[in-house]
Amino acid sequence: DHVPIERAYRLSRYRAGDAAVKPRLSRVKGEAWAKAKHRVEANTVQMAEDVLALYATRETLNRPPFDPSAEGRVRKFAESFPYEPTPDQKKCFEDVENDMVWRSRPMDRLICGDVGFGKTEVAMRALFRCVANGRQAALLAPTGVLAAQHFKQVVRRMGEGTEHNFNV
């Protein structure tokens, strides 16, 4: 690839001497390079084997699916969402419902998206579905500020004093 001329100012010379930890250099044909390359290859193979073993184990796990009759409560909770869901959100809602209600394997799903595109609502509905089915649920956040925001939303939408009256 190339760097457009209008962004050439972003280029700078790499100076290893500026680094806090100086990189160790080795010749491509040297023994140190061959050992490092072999070590990386072995670690990569080991990691791949570990991931395959993990997923093989996950395939054998079972749990009772969530009760389909509780989906009316989930839909009522969904009505408290003040925005029109995007098509991607709707697909996520369906996928998560299928994983939780119609499958007997623990859910293994990652929802990705930019800030402000509705991942929290997908998580909120999954949390609600868990609690409505008598299960425990946790919502993790990468910062204290975001965790506090999520906590306020959970309490406001499904906590004590709401029509759902869950103990948060």
N, C-alpha and C. Protein backbone atom coordinates (compact mmCIF):
# COMPACT_ATOMS: atom_id res chain seq x y z
N ASP A 1 0.83 -1.19 0.00
CA ASP A 1 0.00 0.00 0.00
C ASP A 1 0.87 1.26 0.00
N HIS A 2 0.21 2.37 -0.01
CA HIS A 2 0.94 3.63 -0.04
C HIS A 2 0.31 4.61 0.96
N VAL A 3 1.03 5.64 1.26
CA VAL A 3 0.53 6.71 2.12
C VAL A 3 0.24 7.90 1.22
N PRO A 4 -1.00 8.40 1.23
CA PRO A 4 -1.32 9.58 0.40
C PRO A 4 -0.43 10.76 0.79
N ILE A 5 -0.08 11.55 -0.16
CA ILE A 5 0.84 12.67 0.08
C ILE A 5 0.31 13.64 1.13
N GLU A 6 -1.02 13.80 1.20
CA GLU A 6 -1.58 14.72 2.19
C GLU A 6 -1.45 14.18 3.62
N ARG A 7 -1.04 12.91 3.77
CA ARG A 7 -0.83 12.35 5.11
C ARG A 7 0.64 12.01 5.37
N ALA A 8 1.50 12.47 4.52
CA ALA A 8 2.93 12.18 4.67
C ALA A 8 3.48 12.71 5.98
N TYR A 9 2.86 13.76 6.53
CA TYR A 9 3.33 14.32 7.80
C TYR A 9 3.25 13.31 8.94
N ARG A 10 2.46 12.25 8.76
CA ARG A 10 2.32 11.23 9.81
C ARG A 10 3.51 10.28 9.86
N LEU A 11 4.31 10.28 8.84
CA LEU A 11 5.47 9.39 8.78
C LEU A 11 6.62 9.95 9.59
N SER A 12 7.32 9.09 10.25
CA SER A 12 8.54 9.50 10.95
C SER A 12 9.49 8.31 10.96
N ARG A 13 10.73 8.61 11.12
CA ARG A 13 11.74 7.56 11.14
C ARG A 13 11.62 6.79 12.45
N TYR A 14 11.74 5.47 12.37
CA TYR A 14 11.73 4.63 13.56
C TYR A 14 13.11 4.69 14.19
N ARG A 15 13.14 5.02 15.46
CA ARG A 15 14.41 5.08 16.18
C ARG A 15 14.33 4.12 17.36
N ALA A 16 14.96 2.98 17.23
CA ALA A 16 14.93 1.98 18.30
C ALA A 16 15.56 2.52 19.56
N GLY A 17 16.47 3.46 19.43
CA GLY A 17 17.13 4.03 20.59
C GLY A 17 16.19 4.80 21.49
N ASP A 18 15.03 5.23 20.95
CA ASP A 18 14.06 5.99 21.75
C ASP A 18 13.18 5.08 22.61
N ALA A 19 13.18 3.78 22.31
CA ALA A 19 12.30 2.85 23.01
C ALA A 19 12.79 2.61 24.44
N ALA A 20 11.86 2.39 25.35
CA ALA A 20 12.22 2.10 26.74
C ALA A 20 12.94 0.75 26.81
N VAL A 21 12.44 -0.23 26.05
CA VAL A 21 13.08 -1.54 25.97
C VAL A 21 13.61 -1.68 24.56
N LYS A 22 14.89 -1.80 24.45
CA LYS A 22 15.52 -1.88 23.12
C LYS A 22 15.24 -3.24 22.49
N PRO A 23 14.79 -3.27 21.23
CA PRO A 23 14.54 -4.55 20.56
C PRO A 23 15.86 -5.27 20.30
N ARG A 24 15.80 -6.60 20.40
CA ARG A 24 16.97 -7.39 20.07
C ARG A 24 16.91 -7.71 18.59
N LEU A 25 17.95 -7.41 17.90
CA LEU A 25 18.03 -7.66 16.47
C LEU A 25 18.80 -8.95 16.22
N SER A 26 18.39 -9.67 15.18
CA SER A 26 19.13 -10.87 14.78
C SER A 26 19.09 -10.97 13.27
N ARG A 27 20.03 -11.69 12.75
CA ARG A 27 20.10 -11.88 11.30
C ARG A 27 19.05 -12.91 10.88
N VAL A 28 18.44 -12.67 9.72
CA VAL A 28 17.40 -13.59 9.25
C VAL A 28 17.96 -14.99 9.06
N LYS A 29 19.20 -15.10 8.67
CA LYS A 29 19.80 -16.42 8.45
C LYS A 29 20.48 -16.95 9.71
N GLY A 30 20.43 -16.21 10.81
CA GLY A 30 21.14 -16.61 12.01
C GLY A 30 20.37 -17.61 12.86
N GLU A 31 21.07 -18.18 13.84
CA GLU A 31 20.50 -19.18 14.73
C GLU A 31 19.46 -18.58 15.67
N ALA A 32 19.69 -17.35 16.15
CA ALA A 32 18.73 -16.70 17.06
C ALA A 32 17.39 -16.50 16.38
N TRP A 33 17.42 -16.09 15.10
CA TRP A 33 16.17 -15.90 14.35
C TRP A 33 15.44 -17.22 14.19
N ALA A 34 16.17 -18.27 13.85
CA ALA A 34 15.56 -19.60 13.65
C ALA A 34 14.91 -20.08 14.96
N LYS A 35 15.59 -19.87 16.09
CA LYS A 35 15.03 -20.30 17.38
C LYS A 35 13.76 -19.49 17.71
N ALA A 36 13.83 -18.18 17.50
CA ALA A 36 12.66 -17.33 17.80
C ALA A 36 11.48 -17.73 16.91
N LYS A 37 11.75 -17.96 15.64
CA LYS A 37 10.70 -18.35 14.70
C LYS A 37 10.09 -19.70 15.11
N HIS A 38 10.95 -20.65 15.48
CA HIS A 38 10.46 -21.97 15.90
C HIS A 38 9.60 -21.84 17.17
N ARG A 39 10.04 -21.00 18.12
CA ARG A 39 9.30 -20.80 19.37
C ARG A 39 7.92 -20.20 19.09
N VAL A 40 7.85 -19.22 18.19
CA VAL A 40 6.56 -18.61 17.83
C VAL A 40 5.66 -19.63 17.15
N GLU A 41 6.22 -20.42 16.24
CA GLU A 41 5.42 -21.45 15.56
C GLU A 41 4.86 -22.45 16.56
N ALA A 42 5.70 -22.90 17.51
CA ALA A 42 5.25 -23.87 18.51
C ALA A 42 4.16 -23.27 19.40
N ASN A 43 4.35 -22.01 19.82
CA ASN A 43 3.33 -21.35 20.65
C ASN A 43 2.02 -21.16 19.89
N THR A 44 2.11 -20.87 18.59
CA THR A 44 0.90 -20.68 17.78
C THR A 44 0.15 -22.00 17.64
N VAL A 45 0.87 -23.08 17.40
CA VAL A 45 0.23 -24.39 17.30
C VAL A 45 -0.42 -24.75 18.63
N GLN A 46 0.27 -24.51 19.74
CA GLN A 46 -0.29 -24.80 21.07
C GLN A 46 -1.55 -23.99 21.32
N MET A 47 -1.52 -22.72 20.95
CA MET A 47 -2.70 -21.87 21.14
C MET A 47 -3.87 -22.38 20.30
N ALA A 48 -3.61 -22.77 19.08
CA ALA A 48 -4.67 -23.30 18.22
C ALA A 48 -5.25 -24.59 18.81
N GLU A 49 -4.39 -25.46 19.33
CA GLU A 49 -4.87 -26.69 19.96
C GLU A 49 -5.73 -26.38 21.19
N ASP A 50 -5.31 -25.40 21.97
CA ASP A 50 -6.07 -25.01 23.16
C ASP A 50 -7.45 -24.47 22.79
N VAL A 51 -7.49 -23.64 21.74
CA VAL A 51 -8.78 -23.08 21.29
C VAL A 51 -9.69 -24.19 20.78
N LEU A 52 -9.14 -25.11 19.99
CA LEU A 52 -9.95 -26.22 19.50
C LEU A 52 -10.47 -27.09 20.65
N ALA A 53 -9.63 -27.35 21.64
CA ALA A 53 -10.06 -28.14 22.80
C ALA A 53 -11.15 -27.41 23.57
N LEU A 54 -11.00 -26.10 23.73
CA LEU A 54 -12.02 -25.31 24.41
C LEU A 54 -13.36 -25.40 23.69
N TYR A 55 -13.34 -25.22 22.38
CA TYR A 55 -14.60 -25.27 21.62
C TYR A 55 -15.17 -26.67 21.57
N ALA A 56 -14.33 -27.69 21.55
CA ALA A 56 -14.84 -29.07 21.61
C ALA A 56 -15.53 -29.31 22.95
N THR A 57 -14.95 -28.80 24.03
CA THR A 57 -15.58 -28.92 25.35
C THR A 57 -16.90 -28.17 25.38
N ARG A 58 -16.92 -26.96 24.83
CA ARG A 58 -18.16 -26.17 24.82
C ARG A 58 -19.27 -26.87 24.07
N GLU A 59 -18.93 -27.61 23.03
CA GLU A 59 -19.95 -28.33 22.26
C GLU A 59 -20.62 -29.42 23.09
N THR A 60 -19.93 -29.92 24.12
CA THR A 60 -20.49 -31.00 24.93
C THR A 60 -21.32 -30.48 26.11
N LEU A 61 -21.23 -29.19 26.41
CA LEU A 61 -21.95 -28.64 27.55
C LEU A 61 -23.43 -28.48 27.22
N ASN A 62 -24.26 -28.73 28.22
CA ASN A 62 -25.70 -28.56 28.06
C ASN A 62 -26.25 -27.74 29.22
N ARG A 63 -27.34 -27.06 28.95
CA ARG A 63 -28.07 -26.34 29.98
C ARG A 63 -29.53 -26.36 29.56
N PRO A 64 -30.43 -26.26 30.52
CA PRO A 64 -31.84 -26.18 30.12
C PRO A 64 -32.11 -24.87 29.38
N PRO A 65 -32.77 -24.92 28.23
CA PRO A 65 -33.10 -23.68 27.53
C PRO A 65 -34.03 -22.82 28.39
N PHE A 66 -34.07 -21.55 28.09
CA PHE A 66 -34.95 -20.66 28.83
C PHE A 66 -36.39 -20.92 28.41
N ASP A 67 -37.30 -20.57 29.28
CA ASP A 67 -38.72 -20.84 29.09
C ASP A 67 -39.31 -19.92 28.02
N PRO A 68 -39.82 -20.50 26.92
CA PRO A 68 -40.41 -19.66 25.86
C PRO A 68 -41.63 -18.86 26.34
N SER A 69 -42.30 -19.34 27.38
CA SER A 69 -43.49 -18.62 27.86
C SER A 69 -43.10 -17.30 28.55
N ALA A 70 -41.83 -17.12 28.92
CA ALA A 70 -41.38 -15.86 29.54
C ALA A 70 -41.07 -14.80 28.49
N GLU A 71 -41.16 -15.15 27.23
CA GLU A 71 -40.82 -14.19 26.17
C GLU A 71 -41.80 -13.02 26.11
N GLY A 72 -43.02 -13.21 26.60
CA GLY A 72 -43.95 -12.09 26.68
C GLY A 72 -43.43 -10.99 27.59
N ARG A 73 -42.82 -11.40 28.71
CA ARG A 73 -42.23 -10.42 29.63
C ARG A 73 -41.04 -9.71 28.97
N VAL A 74 -40.26 -10.49 28.19
CA VAL A 74 -39.11 -9.90 27.50
C VAL A 74 -39.59 -8.87 26.49
N ARG A 75 -40.66 -9.19 25.76
CA ARG A 75 -41.18 -8.23 24.78
C ARG A 75 -41.71 -6.96 25.47
N LYS A 76 -42.35 -7.15 26.62
CA LYS A 76 -42.84 -5.98 27.36
C LYS A 76 -41.66 -5.12 27.81
N PHE A 77 -40.59 -5.75 28.27
CA PHE A 77 -39.39 -5.01 28.65
C PHE A 77 -38.82 -4.28 27.43
N ALA A 78 -38.81 -4.95 26.28
CA ALA A 78 -38.26 -4.35 25.06
C ALA A 78 -39.00 -3.08 24.68
N GLU A 79 -40.28 -3.00 25.03
CA GLU A 79 -41.06 -1.80 24.72
C GLU A 79 -40.57 -0.57 25.48
N SER A 80 -39.82 -0.78 26.55
CA SER A 80 -39.31 0.37 27.30
C SER A 80 -38.07 0.99 26.65
N PHE A 81 -37.59 0.40 25.57
CA PHE A 81 -36.45 0.96 24.83
C PHE A 81 -36.96 2.17 24.06
N PRO A 82 -36.42 3.36 24.33
CA PRO A 82 -37.01 4.58 23.78
C PRO A 82 -36.68 4.85 22.30
N TYR A 83 -35.89 4.00 21.66
CA TYR A 83 -35.48 4.25 20.28
C TYR A 83 -35.97 3.14 19.36
N GLU A 84 -35.99 3.44 18.08
CA GLU A 84 -36.32 2.43 17.07
C GLU A 84 -35.06 1.59 16.82
N PRO A 85 -35.13 0.27 17.05
CA PRO A 85 -33.93 -0.55 16.84
C PRO A 85 -33.49 -0.53 15.36
N THR A 86 -32.18 -0.61 15.18
CA THR A 86 -31.63 -0.69 13.82
C THR A 86 -31.82 -2.11 13.30
N PRO A 87 -31.72 -2.31 11.99
CA PRO A 87 -31.80 -3.68 11.46
C PRO A 87 -30.76 -4.61 12.08
N ASP A 88 -29.54 -4.11 12.31
CA ASP A 88 -28.51 -4.94 12.94
C ASP A 88 -28.89 -5.31 14.37
N GLN A 89 -29.46 -4.37 15.11
CA GLN A 89 -29.91 -4.67 16.46
C GLN A 89 -31.00 -5.74 16.43
N LYS A 90 -31.95 -5.60 15.52
CA LYS A 90 -33.04 -6.59 15.43
C LYS A 90 -32.48 -7.98 15.18
N LYS A 91 -31.48 -8.07 14.31
CA LYS A 91 -30.86 -9.37 14.05
C LYS A 91 -30.17 -9.90 15.30
N CYS A 92 -29.48 -9.02 16.02
CA CYS A 92 -28.84 -9.44 17.27
C CYS A 92 -29.87 -9.91 18.30
N PHE A 93 -30.98 -9.18 18.42
CA PHE A 93 -32.03 -9.59 19.36
C PHE A 93 -32.51 -11.01 19.03
N GLU A 94 -32.74 -11.27 17.75
CA GLU A 94 -33.20 -12.60 17.32
C GLU A 94 -32.15 -13.67 17.59
N ASP A 95 -30.90 -13.37 17.24
CA ASP A 95 -29.83 -14.35 17.44
C ASP A 95 -29.65 -14.70 18.92
N VAL A 96 -29.69 -13.69 19.77
CA VAL A 96 -29.53 -13.93 21.20
C VAL A 96 -30.74 -14.71 21.74
N GLU A 97 -31.93 -14.37 21.29
CA GLU A 97 -33.12 -15.14 21.71
C GLU A 97 -32.97 -16.59 21.29
N ASN A 98 -32.57 -16.83 20.06
CA ASN A 98 -32.40 -18.22 19.60
C ASN A 98 -31.38 -18.96 20.45
N ASP A 99 -30.28 -18.29 20.77
CA ASP A 99 -29.25 -18.93 21.61
C ASP A 99 -29.77 -19.26 23.00
N MET A 100 -30.53 -18.35 23.59
CA MET A 100 -30.93 -18.52 24.98
C MET A 100 -32.19 -19.35 25.16
N VAL A 101 -33.13 -19.22 24.24
CA VAL A 101 -34.44 -19.87 24.42
C VAL A 101 -34.54 -21.20 23.67
N TRP A 102 -33.96 -21.27 22.52
CA TRP A 102 -34.21 -22.43 21.65
C TRP A 102 -33.03 -23.39 21.54
N ARG A 103 -31.92 -23.09 22.20
CA ARG A 103 -30.77 -24.00 22.18
C ARG A 103 -30.46 -24.47 23.59
N SER A 104 -29.88 -25.65 23.69
CA SER A 104 -29.55 -26.19 25.01
C SER A 104 -28.06 -26.08 25.33
N ARG A 105 -27.33 -25.33 24.51
CA ARG A 105 -25.91 -25.09 24.80
C ARG A 105 -25.76 -23.69 25.37
N PRO A 106 -24.80 -23.50 26.27
CA PRO A 106 -24.55 -22.14 26.76
C PRO A 106 -24.23 -21.20 25.60
N MET A 107 -24.71 -19.99 25.69
CA MET A 107 -24.50 -19.01 24.62
C MET A 107 -23.03 -18.61 24.57
N ASP A 108 -22.51 -18.51 23.37
CA ASP A 108 -21.13 -18.09 23.13
C ASP A 108 -21.18 -17.10 21.98
N ARG A 109 -21.46 -15.86 22.29
CA ARG A 109 -21.67 -14.86 21.24
C ARG A 109 -20.98 -13.56 21.63
N LEU A 110 -20.39 -12.92 20.65
CA LEU A 110 -19.73 -11.64 20.85
C LEU A 110 -20.43 -10.62 19.96
N ILE A 111 -20.91 -9.54 20.56
CA ILE A 111 -21.56 -8.47 19.82
C ILE A 111 -20.55 -7.34 19.68
N CYS A 112 -20.25 -6.96 18.45
CA CYS A 112 -19.27 -5.89 18.19
C CYS A 112 -19.95 -4.73 17.47
N GLY A 113 -19.48 -3.54 17.71
CA GLY A 113 -20.01 -2.38 17.02
C GLY A 113 -19.41 -1.10 17.57
N ASP A 114 -19.57 -0.05 16.82
CA ASP A 114 -19.06 1.25 17.25
C ASP A 114 -19.86 1.78 18.43
N VAL A 115 -19.31 2.76 19.09
CA VAL A 115 -19.97 3.42 20.22
C VAL A 115 -21.29 4.01 19.74
N GLY A 116 -22.35 3.79 20.51
CA GLY A 116 -23.63 4.40 20.21
C GLY A 116 -24.48 3.63 19.22
N PHE A 117 -24.13 2.38 18.93
CA PHE A 117 -24.91 1.62 17.96
C PHE A 117 -25.72 0.49 18.58
N GLY A 118 -25.95 0.52 19.91
CA GLY A 118 -26.95 -0.32 20.51
C GLY A 118 -26.52 -1.64 21.10
N LYS A 119 -25.25 -1.83 21.37
CA LYS A 119 -24.81 -3.08 21.98
C LYS A 119 -25.37 -3.23 23.39
N THR A 120 -25.48 -2.12 24.10
CA THR A 120 -25.97 -2.18 25.47
C THR A 120 -27.41 -2.68 25.51
N GLU A 121 -28.23 -2.29 24.55
CA GLU A 121 -29.62 -2.75 24.55
C GLU A 121 -29.69 -4.25 24.30
N VAL A 122 -28.81 -4.77 23.46
CA VAL A 122 -28.76 -6.22 23.24
C VAL A 122 -28.43 -6.91 24.56
N ALA A 123 -27.46 -6.37 25.29
CA ALA A 123 -27.07 -6.94 26.58
C ALA A 123 -28.19 -6.81 27.61
N MET A 124 -28.88 -5.67 27.62
CA MET A 124 -29.97 -5.45 28.58
C MET A 124 -31.08 -6.49 28.39
N ARG A 125 -31.43 -6.76 27.15
CA ARG A 125 -32.50 -7.73 26.90
C ARG A 125 -32.05 -9.14 27.29
N ALA A 126 -30.78 -9.44 27.08
CA ALA A 126 -30.26 -10.74 27.50
C ALA A 126 -30.25 -10.84 29.03
N LEU A 127 -29.85 -9.76 29.71
CA LEU A 127 -29.90 -9.73 31.17
C LEU A 127 -31.33 -9.96 31.67
N PHE A 128 -32.25 -9.22 31.06
CA PHE A 128 -33.64 -9.34 31.47
C PHE A 128 -34.13 -10.78 31.29
N ARG A 129 -33.81 -11.37 30.14
CA ARG A 129 -34.25 -12.74 29.85
C ARG A 129 -33.70 -13.70 30.91
N CYS A 130 -32.44 -13.51 31.30
CA CYS A 130 -31.85 -14.37 32.34
C CYS A 130 -32.63 -14.28 33.64
N VAL A 131 -32.81 -13.05 34.10
CA VAL A 131 -33.46 -12.84 35.39
C VAL A 131 -34.92 -13.27 35.34
N ALA A 132 -35.60 -13.02 34.22
CA ALA A 132 -37.00 -13.43 34.08
C ALA A 132 -37.13 -14.96 34.11
N ASN A 133 -36.04 -15.65 33.83
CA ASN A 133 -36.03 -17.11 33.88
C ASN A 133 -35.41 -17.64 35.17
N GLY A 134 -35.26 -16.76 36.15
CA GLY A 134 -34.77 -17.20 37.45
C GLY A 134 -33.28 -17.47 37.51
N ARG A 135 -32.53 -16.93 36.60
CA ARG A 135 -31.08 -17.13 36.57
C ARG A 135 -30.39 -15.84 37.00
N GLN A 136 -29.12 -15.98 37.35
CA GLN A 136 -28.32 -14.80 37.67
C GLN A 136 -27.67 -14.29 36.40
N ALA A 137 -27.36 -13.01 36.39
CA ALA A 137 -26.71 -12.40 35.22
C ALA A 137 -25.74 -11.33 35.71
N ALA A 138 -24.72 -11.09 34.91
CA ALA A 138 -23.75 -10.03 35.20
C ALA A 138 -23.49 -9.26 33.93
N LEU A 139 -23.25 -7.97 34.08
CA LEU A 139 -22.91 -7.11 32.95
C LEU A 139 -21.55 -6.50 33.27
N LEU A 140 -20.55 -6.81 32.46
CA LEU A 140 -19.21 -6.30 32.67
C LEU A 140 -18.98 -5.09 31.78
N ALA A 141 -18.20 -4.14 32.28
CA ALA A 141 -17.88 -2.94 31.51
C ALA A 141 -16.39 -2.64 31.70
N PRO A 142 -15.76 -2.06 30.68
CA PRO A 142 -14.31 -1.82 30.76
C PRO A 142 -13.89 -0.65 31.63
N THR A 143 -14.82 0.22 32.02
CA THR A 143 -14.46 1.36 32.87
C THR A 143 -15.51 1.52 33.96
N GLY A 144 -15.09 2.17 35.04
CA GLY A 144 -16.02 2.45 36.13
C GLY A 144 -17.14 3.37 35.71
N VAL A 145 -16.83 4.35 34.87
CA VAL A 145 -17.85 5.29 34.40
C VAL A 145 -18.92 4.54 33.61
N LEU A 146 -18.50 3.69 32.68
CA LEU A 146 -19.47 2.94 31.88
C LEU A 146 -20.26 1.96 32.75
N ALA A 147 -19.60 1.33 33.71
CA ALA A 147 -20.29 0.41 34.63
C ALA A 147 -21.38 1.17 35.41
N ALA A 148 -21.06 2.38 35.87
CA ALA A 148 -22.04 3.18 36.61
C ALA A 148 -23.21 3.57 35.72
N GLN A 149 -22.93 3.93 34.46
CA GLN A 149 -24.01 4.27 33.52
C GLN A 149 -24.91 3.06 33.28
N HIS A 150 -24.30 1.90 33.07
CA HIS A 150 -25.09 0.69 32.84
C HIS A 150 -25.93 0.35 34.07
N PHE A 151 -25.33 0.47 35.25
CA PHE A 151 -26.06 0.17 36.48
C PHE A 151 -27.31 1.05 36.61
N LYS A 152 -27.14 2.34 36.35
CA LYS A 152 -28.28 3.26 36.42
C LYS A 152 -29.38 2.85 35.45
N GLN A 153 -28.98 2.48 34.23
CA GLN A 153 -29.96 2.06 33.22
C GLN A 153 -30.69 0.79 33.66
N VAL A 154 -29.94 -0.18 34.19
CA VAL A 154 -30.55 -1.44 34.63
C VAL A 154 -31.56 -1.16 35.74
N VAL A 155 -31.16 -0.36 36.72
CA VAL A 155 -32.06 -0.04 37.83
C VAL A 155 -33.29 0.71 37.32
N ARG A 156 -33.08 1.68 36.43
CA ARG A 156 -34.18 2.49 35.91
C ARG A 156 -35.17 1.65 35.11
N ARG A 157 -34.66 0.68 34.37
CA ARG A 157 -35.56 -0.05 33.47
C ARG A 157 -36.10 -1.35 34.04
N MET A 158 -35.39 -1.97 35.01
CA MET A 158 -35.90 -3.25 35.50
C MET A 158 -35.77 -3.44 37.00
N GLY A 159 -35.29 -2.44 37.70
CA GLY A 159 -35.06 -2.56 39.14
C GLY A 159 -36.33 -2.44 39.97
N GLU A 160 -36.12 -2.43 41.28
CA GLU A 160 -37.24 -2.28 42.21
C GLU A 160 -37.96 -0.97 41.94
N GLY A 161 -39.27 -1.01 42.01
CA GLY A 161 -40.06 0.18 41.74
C GLY A 161 -40.53 0.27 40.30
N THR A 162 -39.99 -0.58 39.42
CA THR A 162 -40.48 -0.64 38.04
C THR A 162 -41.54 -1.73 37.96
N GLU A 163 -42.19 -1.86 36.86
CA GLU A 163 -43.20 -2.92 36.72
C GLU A 163 -42.57 -4.31 36.77
N HIS A 164 -41.26 -4.39 36.52
CA HIS A 164 -40.57 -5.70 36.53
C HIS A 164 -40.07 -6.05 37.93
N ASN A 165 -39.69 -5.03 38.71
CA ASN A 165 -39.36 -5.16 40.11
C ASN A 165 -38.29 -6.20 40.43
N PHE A 166 -37.23 -6.21 39.64
CA PHE A 166 -36.13 -7.14 39.89
C PHE A 166 -35.21 -6.56 40.96
N ASN A 167 -34.65 -7.45 41.78
CA ASN A 167 -33.67 -7.04 42.78
C ASN A 167 -32.32 -6.92 42.11
N VAL A 168 -31.87 -5.67 41.89
CA VAL A 168 -30.62 -5.43 41.16
C VAL A 168 -29.48 -5.29 42.15
